[in-house]
């Protein structure tokens, strides 16, 4: 199995989900006592969240590119950024690497297209819903994303930062998220992107009114697909 570099901590709650999913996936595919072959760099999210609020994306890009380079130098053969929002900086991070960088938006769009859907509702941070770095990626893949109305966007964002990033799971917030998903369905969405790596803490196919595409699961599964491909023997 190839060595995956996981750049996480944004938040630590979602990075724990990545660790669990990658190891469970490796065990399911390989059996026995197998687990994922991982290098993990988990950063302190508080300073990054402050820079997000300040709009200081250039400094965050420099920091995360340096962290990704460190993973590569430590032996990572592919780098995963365990967050949707910070994929705003994917070009800067990917350009700094000589190993593959697996984009969460590309993996998600591929999964949606393969399942026959075309108009995904997007529940994510305000940055991901309101800026174009993510939705443009989906549109380039032939999808027509549906974005929540302003009030719902504020609600989804607040719950992510005030609760989910801190590991807090509230039944009241779960119900609120289901309501937002219902609104997206009414607006024409035919499926639902859990477009923040923590949203799956509240929503799943068991309670959502639309077929769910959990970006954490998709990203991890795509990474394992790549990591478990046998090395090519030179002719």
Foldseek 3Di string as FASTA:
>chain_A
DAEEEEEEPLPPLLVVVLQVLQQVVQCVVPNDNDGHRYDYDHDHNVVVVVCVVVVVLVVVLVVVLVVLVVSVVVRHQEYEYRWQLNCLSVVSNQVSDPHHYDHLLVLLLVVCVVVPFAEAEEQAACSCQPDCSRVVSNVVSRHHYDYFDPVLNVLSNCCVVVAQSVVHDDPVSLVSVLVSLVVSVVVPHQAYEDSTSRSVVRDAPVRHPHHYDRSSNSRSVVVVVVRPDDDDDDD
